[in-house]
Amino acid sequence: MRILVVEDEKKVARFIQQGLEEELYAVDVAHDGEKGLQMATAENYDLLILDVMLPKMSGLDLIKAVRAKHKTTPTLILTAKTTTEDKVAGLDSGADDYLTKPFAFEELLARVRSLLRRGAQEKSTLLRVSNLELDTVTHKAKRNGKSIDLTAKEYSLLEYFMRNRDRVLSRTIISEHIWDYNFDTGTNIIDVYVNHLRNKVDEGFEPKLIHTVRGVGYVMKEG
């Protein structure tokens, strides 16, 4: 899952980013409303988290602009504004949830999980491709009942492959979803991680699931 955080207080933004990344989410950060809007409309995020009082463009205007482009990305307002009128204005702008500062990070995580479920109800929490299983709640992977240890990036990559089984994924598409906004597509890091993942989920197992599509990228499929 890929999340965009729009927060002008850099310490707060870094705190949120670090906490979400520890929960294996891919996180991008913008520090003003205009940059946030640019990123939110240029990329396909699974969730937006944003402050209301932002430089250059307010969070409410950002949400309205995103909704005007017919993007239905679940959105969580995170702000120090606590009155009922503020909450109503936020929700009426198109936000899906509202959390006031200061907040407990556990509550933020609970709301993130809730919004991600709401935004993608068709997504199962247990993914299966052939005899490979991935639990997106516990982040545990198994092949033929054998546990597979994954790093954070390997987990994100495997989940993305499994959610897009039989679909050829270019390196650009993979980088946009798994790595951050400023990822250098000129490196071979994607191929390195795919090879690491292939060694863990395919080595010693049949059928092989991760396949290279020459000149394009990769696909997860049976056989």
Protein backbone atom coordinates (compact mmCIF):
# COMPACT_ATOMS: atom_id res chain seq x y z
CA MET A 1 0.00 0.00 0.00
CA ARG A 2 1.30 3.46 -0.92
CA ILE A 3 0.45 6.53 1.17
CA LEU A 4 0.98 10.25 0.60
CA VAL A 5 1.48 12.45 3.68
CA VAL A 6 1.07 16.21 3.19
CA GLU A 7 2.34 17.96 6.32
CA ASP A 8 4.31 21.21 6.58
CA GLU A 9 5.76 20.48 10.04
CA LYS A 10 8.78 18.44 8.97
CA LYS A 11 9.30 16.73 12.33
CA VAL A 12 5.67 15.59 12.38
CA ALA A 13 5.87 14.47 8.76
CA ARG A 14 9.02 12.46 9.42
CA PHE A 15 7.48 10.89 12.53
CA ILE A 16 4.42 9.77 10.57
CA GLN A 17 6.50 8.57 7.63
CA GLN A 18 8.85 6.55 9.81
CA GLY A 19 6.01 4.98 11.77
CA LEU A 20 4.09 4.00 8.65
CA GLU A 21 7.20 2.62 6.96
CA GLU A 22 7.83 0.46 10.02
CA GLU A 23 4.37 -0.99 9.35
CA LEU A 24 5.56 -1.81 5.78
CA TYR A 25 3.69 0.94 3.96
CA ALA A 26 5.41 2.86 1.15
CA VAL A 27 5.23 6.56 2.07
CA ASP A 28 5.81 9.79 0.13
CA VAL A 29 5.82 13.22 1.79
CA ALA A 30 4.98 16.73 0.57
CA HIS A 31 5.42 19.85 2.71
CA ASP A 32 2.95 22.21 1.01
CA GLY A 33 -0.46 21.99 -0.61
CA GLU A 34 0.62 22.67 -4.19
CA LYS A 35 3.26 19.92 -4.14
CA GLY A 36 0.78 17.62 -2.42
CA LEU A 37 -1.79 18.20 -5.15
CA GLN A 38 0.78 17.61 -7.86
CA MET A 39 1.81 14.30 -6.32
CA ALA A 40 -1.73 13.20 -5.45
CA THR A 41 -2.94 13.67 -9.01
CA ALA A 42 0.18 12.37 -10.77
CA GLU A 43 0.43 9.08 -8.85
CA ASN A 44 -1.97 6.37 -7.73
CA TYR A 45 -1.97 6.41 -3.94
CA ASP A 46 -3.98 4.09 -1.73
CA LEU A 47 -4.43 6.76 0.96
CA LEU A 48 -3.85 10.49 1.53
CA ILE A 49 -3.06 11.90 4.98
CA LEU A 50 -2.95 15.69 5.15
CA ASP A 51 -3.01 18.70 7.41
CA VAL A 52 -5.55 21.48 6.90
CA MET A 53 -3.27 24.48 7.41
CA LEU A 54 -0.68 24.11 4.65
CA PRO A 55 1.47 26.64 2.76
CA LYS A 56 0.48 27.59 -0.81
CA MET A 57 -2.82 25.63 -0.75
CA SER A 58 -4.97 24.57 2.20
CA GLY A 59 -5.69 20.93 2.85
CA LEU A 60 -9.40 21.48 2.20
CA ASP A 61 -8.71 23.05 -1.19
CA LEU A 62 -6.33 20.21 -1.97
CA ILE A 63 -9.02 17.62 -1.26
CA LYS A 64 -11.56 19.49 -3.37
CA ALA A 65 -9.08 19.67 -6.25
CA VAL A 66 -8.35 15.95 -6.00
CA ARG A 67 -12.06 15.12 -5.94
CA ALA A 68 -12.66 17.43 -8.91
CA LYS A 69 -10.34 15.17 -10.90
CA HIS A 70 -12.62 12.24 -10.01
CA LYS A 71 -10.04 10.61 -7.76
CA THR A 72 -11.69 8.72 -4.91
CA THR A 73 -8.51 8.03 -2.92
CA PRO A 74 -9.42 7.61 0.77
CA THR A 75 -8.35 10.73 2.66
CA LEU A 76 -7.59 11.35 6.34
CA ILE A 77 -7.36 14.88 7.70
CA LEU A 78 -4.81 15.22 10.50
CA THR A 79 -4.99 18.65 12.14
CA ALA A 80 -4.94 20.73 15.31
CA LYS A 81 -8.31 22.29 14.38
CA THR A 82 -10.79 20.65 16.75
CA THR A 83 -14.16 22.42 16.57
CA THR A 84 -17.26 20.73 15.24
CA GLU A 85 -17.40 23.32 12.46
CA ASP A 86 -13.84 22.45 11.42
CA LYS A 87 -14.65 18.74 11.31
CA VAL A 88 -17.80 19.33 9.28
CA ALA A 89 -15.89 21.51 6.83
CA GLY A 90 -13.23 18.84 6.44
CA LEU A 91 -15.68 16.04 5.82
CA ASP A 92 -17.80 18.18 3.50
CA SER A 93 -14.68 18.96 1.43
CA GLY A 94 -14.46 15.27 0.55
CA ALA A 95 -12.34 13.81 3.36
CA ASP A 96 -13.23 10.37 4.67
CA ASP A 97 -11.98 10.71 8.24
CA TYR A 98 -10.68 13.34 10.67
CA LEU A 99 -8.09 12.94 13.43
CA THR A 100 -7.04 15.80 15.70
CA LYS A 101 -3.57 16.57 17.02
CA PRO A 102 -2.07 15.52 19.33
CA PHE A 103 -2.86 11.92 18.51
CA ALA A 104 -1.80 8.44 19.57
CA PHE A 105 0.06 6.73 16.75
CA GLU A 106 -1.86 3.50 17.42
CA GLU A 107 -5.09 5.34 16.68
CA LEU A 108 -3.62 6.77 13.49
CA LEU A 109 -2.66 3.25 12.40
CA ALA A 110 -6.15 1.95 13.20
CA ARG A 111 -7.72 4.70 11.10
CA VAL A 112 -5.25 4.04 8.27
CA ARG A 113 -6.16 0.35 8.26
CA SER A 114 -9.87 1.18 8.33
CA LEU A 115 -9.63 3.60 5.41
CA LEU A 116 -7.53 1.21 3.35
CA ARG A 117 -10.11 -1.52 3.90
CA ARG A 118 -12.93 0.89 3.03
CA GLY A 119 -11.12 2.07 -0.09
CA ALA A 120 -10.46 -1.44 -1.34
CA GLN A 121 -13.11 -3.74 0.08
CA GLU A 122 -12.55 -6.18 -2.74
CA LYS A 123 -9.00 -6.79 -1.56
CA SER A 124 -8.64 -9.93 0.51
CA THR A 125 -6.36 -9.95 3.53
CA LEU A 126 -5.12 -13.42 2.52
CA LEU A 127 -3.60 -13.52 -0.94
CA ARG A 128 -2.96 -16.80 -2.77
CA VAL A 129 -1.15 -17.61 -5.99
CA SER A 130 -0.77 -21.35 -6.52
CA ASN A 131 0.73 -22.71 -3.26
CA LEU A 132 2.05 -19.30 -2.16
CA GLU A 133 0.14 -17.46 0.58
CA LEU A 134 0.56 -13.94 1.94
CA ASP A 135 -1.33 -12.62 4.97
CA THR A 136 -1.54 -8.83 4.61
CA VAL A 137 -2.51 -8.38 8.27
CA THR A 138 0.34 -10.33 9.87
CA HIS A 139 2.71 -9.76 6.90
CA LYS A 140 3.61 -13.46 6.91
CA ALA A 141 4.32 -15.44 3.75
CA LYS A 142 4.22 -19.21 3.25
CA ARG A 143 4.94 -21.54 0.35
CA ASN A 144 3.70 -25.12 0.69
CA GLY A 145 3.21 -24.33 4.37
CA LYS A 146 6.85 -23.27 4.81
CA SER A 147 7.37 -19.79 6.28
CA ILE A 148 9.31 -17.25 4.22
CA ASP A 149 11.16 -14.40 5.90
CA LEU A 150 10.82 -11.11 4.02
CA THR A 151 12.33 -7.67 4.41
CA ALA A 152 9.96 -4.68 4.33
CA LYS A 153 10.64 -3.96 0.65
CA GLU A 154 10.41 -7.64 -0.30
CA TYR A 155 7.05 -7.86 1.43
CA SER A 156 5.75 -4.78 -0.41
CA LEU A 157 7.01 -6.14 -3.72
CA LEU A 158 5.47 -9.56 -3.15
CA GLU A 159 2.11 -8.08 -2.15
CA TYR A 160 2.10 -5.92 -5.27
CA PHE A 161 2.93 -8.90 -7.49
CA MET A 162 0.23 -11.04 -5.90
CA ARG A 163 -2.44 -8.35 -6.14
CA ASN A 164 -1.56 -8.00 -9.83
CA ARG A 165 -1.13 -11.65 -10.75
CA ASP A 166 -1.03 -12.36 -14.51
CA ARG A 167 -0.39 -8.66 -15.19
CA VAL A 168 2.93 -7.65 -16.73
CA LEU A 169 4.45 -4.93 -14.51
CA SER A 170 7.06 -2.62 -15.96
CA ARG A 171 9.98 -1.46 -13.86
CA THR A 172 8.50 2.05 -13.95
CA ILE A 173 5.17 0.89 -12.58
CA ILE A 174 6.89 -1.14 -9.86
CA SER A 175 9.10 1.80 -8.85
CA GLU A 176 6.12 4.17 -8.68
CA HIS A 177 4.21 1.90 -6.33
CA ILE A 178 6.92 0.39 -4.15
CA TRP A 179 9.61 3.05 -3.97
CA ASP A 180 9.25 6.73 -3.17
CA TYR A 181 8.42 9.65 -5.45
CA ASN A 182 12.07 10.55 -6.04
CA PHE A 183 13.24 7.05 -6.94
CA ASP A 184 16.04 6.95 -9.52
CA THR A 185 14.73 4.71 -12.29
CA GLY A 186 18.22 4.55 -13.78
CA THR A 187 19.42 2.12 -11.11
CA ASN A 188 19.05 -1.68 -11.18
CA ILE A 189 17.70 -1.86 -7.65
CA ILE A 190 14.34 -3.24 -8.81
CA ASP A 191 16.03 -6.16 -10.57
CA VAL A 192 18.14 -6.79 -7.45
CA TYR A 193 15.07 -6.94 -5.19
CA VAL A 194 13.11 -9.09 -7.64
CA ASN A 195 16.02 -11.55 -7.72
CA HIS A 196 16.15 -11.61 -3.91
CA LEU A 197 12.40 -12.23 -3.78
CA ARG A 198 12.57 -14.89 -6.48
CA ASN A 199 15.24 -16.75 -4.52
CA LYS A 200 12.96 -16.81 -1.49
CA VAL A 201 9.59 -17.67 -3.04
CA ASP A 202 10.59 -19.74 -6.09
CA GLU A 203 13.89 -21.45 -5.25
CA GLY A 204 13.14 -25.09 -4.44
CA PHE A 205 9.42 -24.76 -5.21
CA GLU A 206 7.17 -25.59 -8.15
CA PRO A 207 5.61 -24.07 -10.12
CA LYS A 208 7.83 -21.02 -10.65
CA LEU A 209 5.76 -17.88 -10.13
CA ILE A 210 7.92 -14.81 -10.84
CA HIS A 211 8.78 -14.50 -14.53
CA THR A 212 10.86 -11.99 -16.46
CA VAL A 213 9.29 -10.35 -19.50
CA ARG A 214 12.27 -9.29 -21.60
CA GLY A 215 12.47 -5.59 -22.29
CA VAL A 216 9.41 -4.86 -20.16
CA GLY A 217 9.52 -6.06 -16.55
CA TYR A 218 8.03 -8.92 -14.56
CA VAL A 219 4.85 -10.92 -14.14
CA MET A 220 3.61 -13.28 -11.42
CA LYS A 221 1.77 -16.22 -12.86
CA GLU A 222 1.57 -20.00 -12.59
CA GLY A 223 3.84 -21.72 -15.10
